[in-house]
Amino acid sequence: MYRPPRAPHPGSRPPGPGLRPPARRGQDPAVTARPRPVPDAVSAAYWAGADRGALTVAHCDACGRAHHPPEPACPRCGADGPRPRVVSGRGTVFAACVVRQAFDAAFADAVPYHLALVAPDDAPEVRILTNLLGADPAEPVAVGTPVAVEFEPATGVGARVDARVGEGDGVALPQFRVVGP
């Protein structure tokens, strides 16, 4: 007797690999190096600026809007080639939460930590997803909390162990530190 396939239960996960430990996907669970950003043609100027200790956002000359992350065309007006513009590195928390579970073994030593959307003071339409330094994970971070950017050399696969920001290793991670209440 033919039975039609059952409809998935509302709220159930779609078929597919799902979230599994790395060993199930054929990866070595002993490899716990954090992934390192790989600059491409679109993001190279952003990562080069970060390596020099400068925070940049993409700026469109056609419509005058800034956006982040860098894209080959302006997401607002579609103009080609937004250019990187250096911003001050000061901003405010737009939204924040506490991450309590490491979804990758490489980040197990980092939890719990604050994750936030930061709006730079001189590009308030931009939101930068970042972790917050200097914030107690046991305490909430209020919207509007002032923050300032700091740069940390990217460690992980392919990174020099002794790298410092500004040495031209190619990738420094912008992170924000709470600077006020």
N, C-alpha and C. Protein backbone atom coordinates (compact mmCIF):
# COMPACT_ATOMS: atom_id res chain seq x y z
N MET A 1 0.84 -1.17 0.00
CA MET A 1 0.00 0.00 0.00
C MET A 1 0.89 1.25 0.00
N TYR A 2 0.56 2.19 -0.85
CA TYR A 2 1.34 3.43 -0.97
C TYR A 2 0.96 4.41 0.13
N ARG A 3 1.99 4.97 0.75
CA ARG A 3 1.78 6.04 1.73
C ARG A 3 2.57 7.26 1.27
N PRO A 4 1.93 8.40 1.19
CA PRO A 4 2.68 9.60 0.81
C PRO A 4 3.66 9.96 1.93
N PRO A 5 4.76 10.61 1.58
CA PRO A 5 5.72 11.00 2.62
C PRO A 5 5.06 11.92 3.65
N ARG A 6 5.46 11.74 4.89
CA ARG A 6 4.89 12.56 5.96
C ARG A 6 5.50 13.95 5.92
N ALA A 7 4.68 14.90 6.21
CA ALA A 7 5.17 16.28 6.29
C ALA A 7 6.00 16.42 7.56
N PRO A 8 7.07 17.20 7.50
CA PRO A 8 7.87 17.39 8.70
C PRO A 8 7.06 18.08 9.79
N HIS A 9 7.38 17.77 11.01
CA HIS A 9 6.73 18.40 12.14
C HIS A 9 7.09 19.88 12.16
N PRO A 10 6.11 20.75 12.38
CA PRO A 10 6.44 22.18 12.44
C PRO A 10 7.50 22.44 13.51
N GLY A 11 8.50 23.18 13.16
CA GLY A 11 9.57 23.48 14.10
C GLY A 11 10.71 22.49 14.05
N SER A 12 10.56 21.41 13.26
CA SER A 12 11.66 20.44 13.17
C SER A 12 12.71 20.96 12.20
N ARG A 13 13.92 20.46 12.34
CA ARG A 13 15.00 20.88 11.47
C ARG A 13 14.82 20.28 10.08
N PRO A 14 15.20 21.02 9.06
CA PRO A 14 15.13 20.46 7.70
C PRO A 14 16.16 19.34 7.54
N PRO A 15 15.94 18.46 6.59
CA PRO A 15 16.92 17.39 6.38
C PRO A 15 18.27 17.98 5.98
N GLY A 16 19.32 17.34 6.38
CA GLY A 16 20.66 17.82 6.06
C GLY A 16 21.63 17.42 7.15
N PRO A 17 22.87 17.88 7.03
CA PRO A 17 23.88 17.43 7.97
C PRO A 17 23.68 17.94 9.39
N GLY A 18 23.05 19.10 9.59
CA GLY A 18 22.83 19.61 10.93
C GLY A 18 24.11 19.99 11.63
N LEU A 19 24.00 20.23 12.93
CA LEU A 19 25.17 20.57 13.73
C LEU A 19 25.70 19.31 14.37
N ARG A 20 26.87 18.90 13.98
CA ARG A 20 27.48 17.69 14.52
C ARG A 20 28.89 18.02 14.97
N PRO A 21 29.41 17.23 15.89
CA PRO A 21 30.81 17.44 16.27
C PRO A 21 31.71 17.25 15.06
N PRO A 22 32.87 17.92 15.02
CA PRO A 22 33.76 17.83 13.86
C PRO A 22 34.13 16.41 13.47
N ALA A 23 34.26 15.49 14.44
CA ALA A 23 34.66 14.13 14.12
C ALA A 23 33.63 13.44 13.23
N ARG A 24 32.38 13.80 13.36
CA ARG A 24 31.35 13.19 12.52
C ARG A 24 31.42 13.66 11.08
N ARG A 25 32.01 14.83 10.88
CA ARG A 25 32.12 15.35 9.51
C ARG A 25 33.43 14.94 8.87
N GLY A 26 34.17 14.06 9.52
CA GLY A 26 35.41 13.58 8.94
C GLY A 26 36.60 14.46 9.26
N GLN A 27 36.46 15.37 10.22
CA GLN A 27 37.57 16.22 10.60
C GLN A 27 38.22 15.67 11.85
N ASP A 28 39.45 16.04 12.07
CA ASP A 28 40.18 15.60 13.25
C ASP A 28 39.77 16.44 14.45
N PRO A 29 39.16 15.83 15.49
CA PRO A 29 38.72 16.62 16.63
C PRO A 29 39.89 17.19 17.43
N ALA A 30 41.11 16.69 17.22
CA ALA A 30 42.26 17.21 17.95
C ALA A 30 42.73 18.56 17.40
N VAL A 31 42.31 18.91 16.18
CA VAL A 31 42.70 20.19 15.59
C VAL A 31 41.76 21.25 16.14
N THR A 32 42.29 22.11 16.99
CA THR A 32 41.44 23.11 17.63
C THR A 32 41.93 24.53 17.36
N ALA A 33 42.65 24.75 16.28
CA ALA A 33 43.08 26.11 15.93
C ALA A 33 41.88 26.90 15.44
N ARG A 34 41.82 28.15 15.85
CA ARG A 34 40.72 29.00 15.41
C ARG A 34 40.89 29.33 13.93
N PRO A 35 39.79 29.39 13.22
CA PRO A 35 39.89 29.76 11.81
C PRO A 35 40.38 31.21 11.70
N ARG A 36 41.13 31.46 10.68
CA ARG A 36 41.72 32.78 10.47
C ARG A 36 41.06 33.41 9.25
N PRO A 37 40.65 34.69 9.34
CA PRO A 37 40.05 35.32 8.17
C PRO A 37 40.99 35.27 6.97
N VAL A 38 40.42 35.06 5.80
CA VAL A 38 41.19 35.01 4.57
C VAL A 38 40.75 36.20 3.71
N PRO A 39 41.59 37.24 3.61
CA PRO A 39 41.21 38.39 2.78
C PRO A 39 41.04 37.99 1.32
N ASP A 40 40.03 38.57 0.68
CA ASP A 40 39.83 38.36 -0.75
C ASP A 40 39.88 39.73 -1.42
N ALA A 41 39.56 39.79 -2.70
CA ALA A 41 39.65 41.06 -3.44
C ALA A 41 38.75 42.14 -2.85
N VAL A 42 37.61 41.76 -2.31
CA VAL A 42 36.67 42.73 -1.77
C VAL A 42 37.07 43.18 -0.37
N SER A 43 37.55 42.25 0.46
CA SER A 43 37.84 42.59 1.86
C SER A 43 39.30 42.93 2.14
N ALA A 44 40.17 42.85 1.14
CA ALA A 44 41.61 43.06 1.36
C ALA A 44 41.91 44.42 1.99
N ALA A 45 41.25 45.48 1.54
CA ALA A 45 41.52 46.81 2.09
C ALA A 45 41.09 46.89 3.56
N TYR A 46 40.00 46.23 3.91
CA TYR A 46 39.54 46.21 5.30
C TYR A 46 40.57 45.55 6.20
N TRP A 47 41.04 44.36 5.78
CA TRP A 47 42.02 43.62 6.60
C TRP A 47 43.38 44.32 6.62
N ALA A 48 43.77 44.96 5.52
CA ALA A 48 45.03 45.71 5.52
C ALA A 48 44.96 46.89 6.48
N GLY A 49 43.82 47.58 6.51
CA GLY A 49 43.63 48.67 7.46
C GLY A 49 43.69 48.17 8.89
N ALA A 50 43.04 47.06 9.16
CA ALA A 50 43.06 46.49 10.52
C ALA A 50 44.47 46.11 10.92
N ASP A 51 45.25 45.59 9.98
CA ASP A 51 46.63 45.21 10.29
C ASP A 51 47.48 46.44 10.62
N ARG A 52 47.09 47.61 10.10
CA ARG A 52 47.79 48.86 10.43
C ARG A 52 47.20 49.53 11.67
N GLY A 53 46.13 48.94 12.24
CA GLY A 53 45.49 49.53 13.41
C GLY A 53 44.44 50.56 13.07
N ALA A 54 43.85 50.47 11.86
CA ALA A 54 42.82 51.42 11.44
C ALA A 54 41.53 50.66 11.14
N LEU A 55 40.43 51.12 11.71
CA LEU A 55 39.13 50.52 11.43
C LEU A 55 38.53 51.22 10.22
N THR A 56 38.13 50.44 9.22
CA THR A 56 37.54 51.02 8.02
C THR A 56 36.14 50.45 7.80
N VAL A 57 35.30 51.24 7.15
CA VAL A 57 34.00 50.79 6.66
C VAL A 57 33.95 51.13 5.18
N ALA A 58 33.14 50.43 4.44
CA ALA A 58 32.99 50.72 3.01
C ALA A 58 32.10 51.95 2.86
N HIS A 59 32.48 52.87 1.98
CA HIS A 59 31.72 54.09 1.77
C HIS A 59 31.40 54.23 0.29
N CYS A 60 30.14 54.48 -0.02
CA CYS A 60 29.69 54.62 -1.40
C CYS A 60 29.70 56.10 -1.79
N ASP A 61 30.45 56.44 -2.83
CA ASP A 61 30.49 57.82 -3.30
C ASP A 61 29.19 58.23 -3.98
N ALA A 62 28.45 57.26 -4.54
CA ALA A 62 27.23 57.57 -5.28
C ALA A 62 26.10 58.01 -4.35
N CYS A 63 25.88 57.29 -3.25
CA CYS A 63 24.76 57.63 -2.36
C CYS A 63 25.22 58.19 -1.02
N GLY A 64 26.52 58.12 -0.75
CA GLY A 64 27.05 58.69 0.48
C GLY A 64 26.88 57.83 1.72
N ARG A 65 26.41 56.60 1.56
CA ARG A 65 26.18 55.74 2.72
C ARG A 65 27.38 54.84 2.97
N ALA A 66 27.55 54.50 4.23
CA ALA A 66 28.60 53.56 4.63
C ALA A 66 27.94 52.22 4.92
N HIS A 67 28.70 51.14 4.77
CA HIS A 67 28.19 49.82 5.11
C HIS A 67 29.33 48.91 5.52
N HIS A 68 28.96 47.84 6.19
CA HIS A 68 29.93 46.84 6.65
C HIS A 68 29.18 45.51 6.70
N PRO A 69 29.77 44.42 6.30
CA PRO A 69 31.12 44.22 5.81
C PRO A 69 31.28 44.73 4.38
N PRO A 70 32.53 44.80 3.89
CA PRO A 70 32.76 45.27 2.53
C PRO A 70 32.07 44.37 1.50
N GLU A 71 31.51 44.98 0.49
CA GLU A 71 30.87 44.25 -0.61
C GLU A 71 31.31 44.88 -1.92
N PRO A 72 31.22 44.13 -3.03
CA PRO A 72 31.68 44.68 -4.31
C PRO A 72 30.79 45.81 -4.84
N ALA A 73 29.53 45.86 -4.40
CA ALA A 73 28.62 46.91 -4.82
C ALA A 73 27.89 47.44 -3.58
N CYS A 74 27.45 48.67 -3.64
CA CYS A 74 26.73 49.27 -2.52
C CYS A 74 25.40 48.54 -2.33
N PRO A 75 25.11 48.04 -1.13
CA PRO A 75 23.85 47.34 -0.91
C PRO A 75 22.64 48.27 -0.95
N ARG A 76 22.87 49.58 -0.86
CA ARG A 76 21.76 50.53 -0.87
C ARG A 76 21.38 50.96 -2.29
N CYS A 77 22.38 51.37 -3.09
CA CYS A 77 22.07 51.91 -4.42
C CYS A 77 22.60 51.05 -5.57
N GLY A 78 23.45 50.06 -5.26
CA GLY A 78 23.96 49.17 -6.29
C GLY A 78 25.18 49.67 -7.03
N ALA A 79 25.70 50.84 -6.66
CA ALA A 79 26.87 51.39 -7.35
C ALA A 79 28.09 50.49 -7.12
N ASP A 80 28.93 50.41 -8.14
CA ASP A 80 30.14 49.59 -8.05
C ASP A 80 31.21 50.26 -7.20
N GLY A 81 32.00 49.41 -6.57
CA GLY A 81 33.24 49.83 -5.94
C GLY A 81 33.18 50.79 -4.77
N PRO A 82 32.40 50.50 -3.72
CA PRO A 82 32.53 51.35 -2.53
C PRO A 82 33.98 51.35 -2.05
N ARG A 83 34.43 52.50 -1.55
CA ARG A 83 35.83 52.62 -1.12
C ARG A 83 35.92 52.56 0.40
N PRO A 84 37.04 52.02 0.91
CA PRO A 84 37.20 51.99 2.37
C PRO A 84 37.42 53.39 2.92
N ARG A 85 36.79 53.66 4.05
CA ARG A 85 36.95 54.94 4.73
C ARG A 85 37.31 54.66 6.19
N VAL A 86 38.35 55.29 6.67
CA VAL A 86 38.78 55.10 8.06
C VAL A 86 37.79 55.81 8.98
N VAL A 87 37.37 55.11 10.03
CA VAL A 87 36.51 55.70 11.06
C VAL A 87 37.29 55.74 12.37
N SER A 88 36.78 56.48 13.33
CA SER A 88 37.52 56.75 14.57
C SER A 88 37.77 55.51 15.43
N GLY A 89 36.90 54.54 15.36
CA GLY A 89 37.04 53.37 16.22
C GLY A 89 36.26 53.50 17.51
N ARG A 90 35.58 54.61 17.70
CA ARG A 90 34.70 54.76 18.86
C ARG A 90 33.28 54.51 18.40
N GLY A 91 32.48 53.97 19.31
CA GLY A 91 31.10 53.68 18.95
C GLY A 91 30.27 53.36 20.17
N THR A 92 29.06 52.89 19.91
CA THR A 92 28.16 52.50 20.99
C THR A 92 27.57 51.13 20.68
N VAL A 93 27.20 50.43 21.74
CA VAL A 93 26.58 49.12 21.61
C VAL A 93 25.15 49.31 21.11
N PHE A 94 24.83 48.66 20.01
CA PHE A 94 23.48 48.69 19.44
C PHE A 94 22.65 47.54 20.00
N ALA A 95 23.29 46.37 20.18
CA ALA A 95 22.64 45.19 20.76
C ALA A 95 23.74 44.28 21.29
N ALA A 96 23.42 43.48 22.30
CA ALA A 96 24.43 42.59 22.87
C ALA A 96 23.78 41.35 23.47
N CYS A 97 24.55 40.27 23.51
CA CYS A 97 24.12 39.04 24.16
C CYS A 97 25.36 38.33 24.71
N VAL A 98 25.13 37.31 25.52
CA VAL A 98 26.23 36.52 26.07
C VAL A 98 26.23 35.16 25.40
N VAL A 99 27.37 34.78 24.83
CA VAL A 99 27.53 33.45 24.22
C VAL A 99 28.06 32.53 25.31
N ARG A 100 27.33 31.47 25.59
CA ARG A 100 27.69 30.55 26.66
C ARG A 100 28.09 29.17 26.17
N GLN A 101 27.93 28.91 24.89
CA GLN A 101 28.24 27.60 24.33
C GLN A 101 29.19 27.76 23.15
N ALA A 102 30.27 27.00 23.16
CA ALA A 102 31.21 27.02 22.04
C ALA A 102 30.71 26.06 20.98
N PHE A 103 30.46 26.56 19.79
CA PHE A 103 29.99 25.70 18.70
C PHE A 103 31.15 25.11 17.93
N ASP A 104 32.37 25.45 18.32
CA ASP A 104 33.58 24.88 17.74
C ASP A 104 34.57 24.71 18.88
N ALA A 105 35.25 23.59 18.92
CA ALA A 105 36.18 23.29 20.01
C ALA A 105 37.28 24.35 20.14
N ALA A 106 37.61 25.02 19.05
CA ALA A 106 38.65 26.04 19.10
C ALA A 106 38.27 27.23 19.97
N PHE A 107 36.98 27.41 20.22
CA PHE A 107 36.50 28.54 21.01
C PHE A 107 36.07 28.15 22.41
N ALA A 108 36.32 26.91 22.81
CA ALA A 108 35.87 26.43 24.12
C ALA A 108 36.47 27.24 25.27
N ASP A 109 37.70 27.71 25.11
CA ASP A 109 38.33 28.48 26.19
C ASP A 109 37.81 29.91 26.27
N ALA A 110 37.04 30.36 25.30
CA ALA A 110 36.59 31.75 25.27
C ALA A 110 35.22 31.96 25.93
N VAL A 111 34.41 30.92 26.05
CA VAL A 111 33.06 31.09 26.59
C VAL A 111 33.10 31.19 28.10
N PRO A 112 32.22 31.93 28.71
CA PRO A 112 31.24 32.82 28.10
C PRO A 112 31.87 34.17 27.71
N TYR A 113 31.28 34.81 26.70
CA TYR A 113 31.75 36.13 26.28
C TYR A 113 30.59 36.92 25.69
N HIS A 114 30.75 38.23 25.67
CA HIS A 114 29.73 39.10 25.10
C HIS A 114 29.93 39.22 23.60
N LEU A 115 28.85 39.14 22.86
CA LEU A 115 28.83 39.37 21.43
C LEU A 115 27.95 40.60 21.22
N ALA A 116 28.38 41.52 20.37
CA ALA A 116 27.62 42.76 20.23
C ALA A 116 27.61 43.27 18.81
N LEU A 117 26.58 44.05 18.51
CA LEU A 117 26.54 44.87 17.31
C LEU A 117 26.93 46.27 17.75
N VAL A 118 27.97 46.81 17.14
CA VAL A 118 28.46 48.13 17.50
C VAL A 118 28.18 49.09 16.35
N ALA A 119 27.68 50.27 16.69
CA ALA A 119 27.47 51.34 15.71
C ALA A 119 28.59 52.36 15.89
N PRO A 120 29.49 52.48 14.90
CA PRO A 120 30.57 53.48 15.02
C PRO A 120 29.98 54.89 15.11
N ASP A 121 30.60 55.74 15.94
CA ASP A 121 30.09 57.10 16.12
C ASP A 121 30.07 57.90 14.82
N ASP A 122 31.07 57.71 13.95
CA ASP A 122 31.12 58.49 12.72
C ASP A 122 30.55 57.75 11.51
N ALA A 123 29.86 56.64 11.73
CA ALA A 123 29.12 55.92 10.68
C ALA A 123 27.96 55.20 11.37
N PRO A 124 27.00 55.96 11.94
CA PRO A 124 25.96 55.36 12.78
C PRO A 124 25.02 54.39 12.06
N GLU A 125 25.00 54.42 10.72
CA GLU A 125 24.14 53.48 10.00
C GLU A 125 24.78 52.10 9.89
N VAL A 126 26.05 51.98 10.23
CA VAL A 126 26.80 50.73 10.13
C VAL A 126 26.66 49.94 11.42
N ARG A 127 26.62 48.61 11.31
CA ARG A 127 26.64 47.72 12.47
C ARG A 127 27.79 46.75 12.28
N ILE A 128 28.67 46.66 13.28
CA ILE A 128 29.81 45.75 13.22
C ILE A 128 29.60 44.68 14.28
N LEU A 129 29.58 43.43 13.86
CA LEU A 129 29.44 42.31 14.78
C LEU A 129 30.80 42.01 15.39
N THR A 130 30.88 41.98 16.71
CA THR A 130 32.17 41.84 17.38
C THR A 130 31.97 41.23 18.76
N ASN A 131 33.06 40.75 19.33
CA ASN A 131 32.99 40.40 20.74
C ASN A 131 33.43 41.63 21.54
N LEU A 132 32.96 41.70 22.78
CA LEU A 132 33.28 42.84 23.63
C LEU A 132 34.33 42.44 24.65
N LEU A 133 35.37 43.23 24.73
CA LEU A 133 36.42 43.01 25.72
C LEU A 133 36.11 43.85 26.95
N GLY A 134 36.51 43.37 28.11
CA GLY A 134 36.33 44.13 29.34
C GLY A 134 34.93 44.16 29.87
N ALA A 135 34.09 43.25 29.43
CA ALA A 135 32.71 43.18 29.92
C ALA A 135 32.53 41.87 30.68
N ASP A 136 31.96 41.95 31.86
CA ASP A 136 31.73 40.77 32.69
C ASP A 136 30.56 39.97 32.11
N PRO A 137 30.77 38.71 31.71
CA PRO A 137 29.68 37.91 31.14
C PRO A 137 28.52 37.68 32.11
N ALA A 138 28.76 37.88 33.40
CA ALA A 138 27.68 37.71 34.38
C ALA A 138 26.76 38.93 34.41
N GLU A 139 27.19 40.03 33.82
CA GLU A 139 26.42 41.27 33.82
C GLU A 139 26.00 41.63 32.40
N PRO A 140 24.77 42.11 32.22
CA PRO A 140 24.36 42.52 30.87
C PRO A 140 25.07 43.81 30.46
N VAL A 141 25.26 43.97 29.17
CA VAL A 141 25.81 45.21 28.62
C VAL A 141 24.63 46.00 28.05
N ALA A 142 24.49 47.23 28.49
CA ALA A 142 23.36 48.05 28.09
C ALA A 142 23.54 48.60 26.68
N VAL A 143 22.43 48.72 25.98
CA VAL A 143 22.43 49.39 24.68
C VAL A 143 22.88 50.83 24.92
N GLY A 144 23.75 51.33 24.07
CA GLY A 144 24.27 52.68 24.21
C GLY A 144 25.58 52.77 24.97
N THR A 145 26.08 51.64 25.48
CA THR A 145 27.36 51.63 26.19
C THR A 145 28.47 52.06 25.24
N PRO A 146 29.32 53.01 25.64
CA PRO A 146 30.42 53.43 24.76
C PRO A 146 31.52 52.38 24.69
N VAL A 147 32.07 52.21 23.49
CA VAL A 147 33.14 51.23 23.25
C VAL A 147 34.20 51.86 22.34
N ALA A 148 35.38 51.25 22.35
CA ALA A 148 36.47 51.69 21.48
C ALA A 148 37.15 50.46 20.89
N VAL A 149 37.61 50.57 19.66
CA VAL A 149 38.21 49.43 18.96
C VAL A 149 39.62 49.16 19.47
N GLU A 150 39.97 47.88 19.49
CA GLU A 150 41.33 47.41 19.74
C GLU A 150 41.60 46.35 18.68
N PHE A 151 42.86 46.15 18.35
CA PHE A 151 43.22 45.17 17.33
C PHE A 151 44.08 44.08 17.94
N GLU A 152 43.77 42.85 17.57
CA GLU A 152 44.52 41.69 18.05
C GLU A 152 44.98 40.89 16.84
N PRO A 153 46.25 40.50 16.79
CA PRO A 153 46.69 39.67 15.67
C PRO A 153 45.86 38.39 15.60
N ALA A 154 45.47 38.01 14.41
CA ALA A 154 44.69 36.79 14.23
C ALA A 154 45.60 35.59 14.42
N THR A 155 45.24 34.77 15.37
CA THR A 155 45.97 33.52 15.56
C THR A 155 45.16 32.43 14.89
N GLY A 156 45.71 31.28 14.80
CA GLY A 156 44.99 30.18 14.18
C GLY A 156 45.76 29.62 13.02
N VAL A 157 45.06 28.90 12.20
CA VAL A 157 45.69 28.21 11.09
C VAL A 157 46.40 29.21 10.19
N GLY A 158 47.69 29.03 9.99
CA GLY A 158 48.47 29.86 9.10
C GLY A 158 49.01 31.15 9.69
N ALA A 159 48.74 31.42 10.97
CA ALA A 159 49.21 32.66 11.57
C ALA A 159 50.58 32.47 12.21
N ARG A 160 51.36 33.55 12.21
CA ARG A 160 52.64 33.51 12.93
C ARG A 160 52.36 33.59 14.42
N VAL A 161 53.05 32.81 15.20
CA VAL A 161 52.85 32.80 16.64
C VAL A 161 53.28 34.12 17.27
N ASP A 162 54.33 34.75 16.74
CA ASP A 162 54.87 35.97 17.33
C ASP A 162 54.36 37.24 16.65
N ALA A 163 53.28 37.15 15.88
CA ALA A 163 52.79 38.31 15.13
C ALA A 163 52.28 39.40 16.06
N ARG A 164 52.50 40.64 15.65
CA ARG A 164 51.96 41.80 16.35
C ARG A 164 51.27 42.68 15.32
N VAL A 165 50.27 43.44 15.76
CA VAL A 165 49.57 44.34 14.87
C VAL A 165 50.57 45.32 14.27
N GLY A 166 50.44 45.53 12.96
CA GLY A 166 51.31 46.47 12.26
C GLY A 166 52.55 45.86 11.67
N GLU A 167 52.78 44.57 11.89
CA GLU A 167 53.97 43.93 11.34
C GLU A 167 53.74 43.40 9.93
N GLY A 168 52.54 43.59 9.40
CA GLY A 168 52.29 43.16 8.04
C GLY A 168 51.99 41.69 7.89
N ASP A 169 51.56 41.02 8.96
CA ASP A 169 51.19 39.61 8.87
C ASP A 169 49.91 39.45 8.07
N GLY A 170 49.18 40.54 7.88
CA GLY A 170 48.04 40.51 6.99
C GLY A 170 46.69 40.51 7.64
N VAL A 171 46.55 40.00 8.85
CA VAL A 171 45.23 39.94 9.45
C VAL A 171 45.31 40.27 10.94
N ALA A 172 44.63 41.33 11.32
CA ALA A 172 44.43 41.67 12.73
C ALA A 172 42.92 41.77 12.93
N LEU A 173 42.45 41.28 14.06
CA LEU A 173 41.02 41.27 14.33
C LEU A 173 40.60 42.51 15.11
N PRO A 174 39.69 43.32 14.55
CA PRO A 174 39.17 44.43 15.33
C PRO A 174 38.19 43.89 16.37
N GLN A 175 38.36 44.33 17.60
CA GLN A 175 37.44 43.98 18.68
C GLN A 175 37.17 45.26 19.45
N PHE A 176 36.08 45.30 20.17
CA PHE A 176 35.73 46.51 20.89
C PHE A 176 35.80 46.28 22.39
N ARG A 177 36.28 47.30 23.09
CA ARG A 177 36.39 47.26 24.55
C ARG A 177 35.42 48.29 25.13
N VAL A 178 34.72 47.89 26.19
CA VAL A 178 33.83 48.79 26.89
C VAL A 178 34.68 49.88 27.54
N VAL A 179 34.32 51.15 27.31
CA VAL A 179 35.09 52.26 27.87
C VAL A 179 34.27 53.12 28.82
N GLY A 180 33.07 52.73 29.09
CA GLY A 180 32.23 53.50 30.00
C GLY A 180 31.16 52.62 30.61
N PRO A 181 30.25 53.23 31.35
CA PRO A 181 29.22 52.45 32.04
C PRO A 181 28.29 51.72 31.13
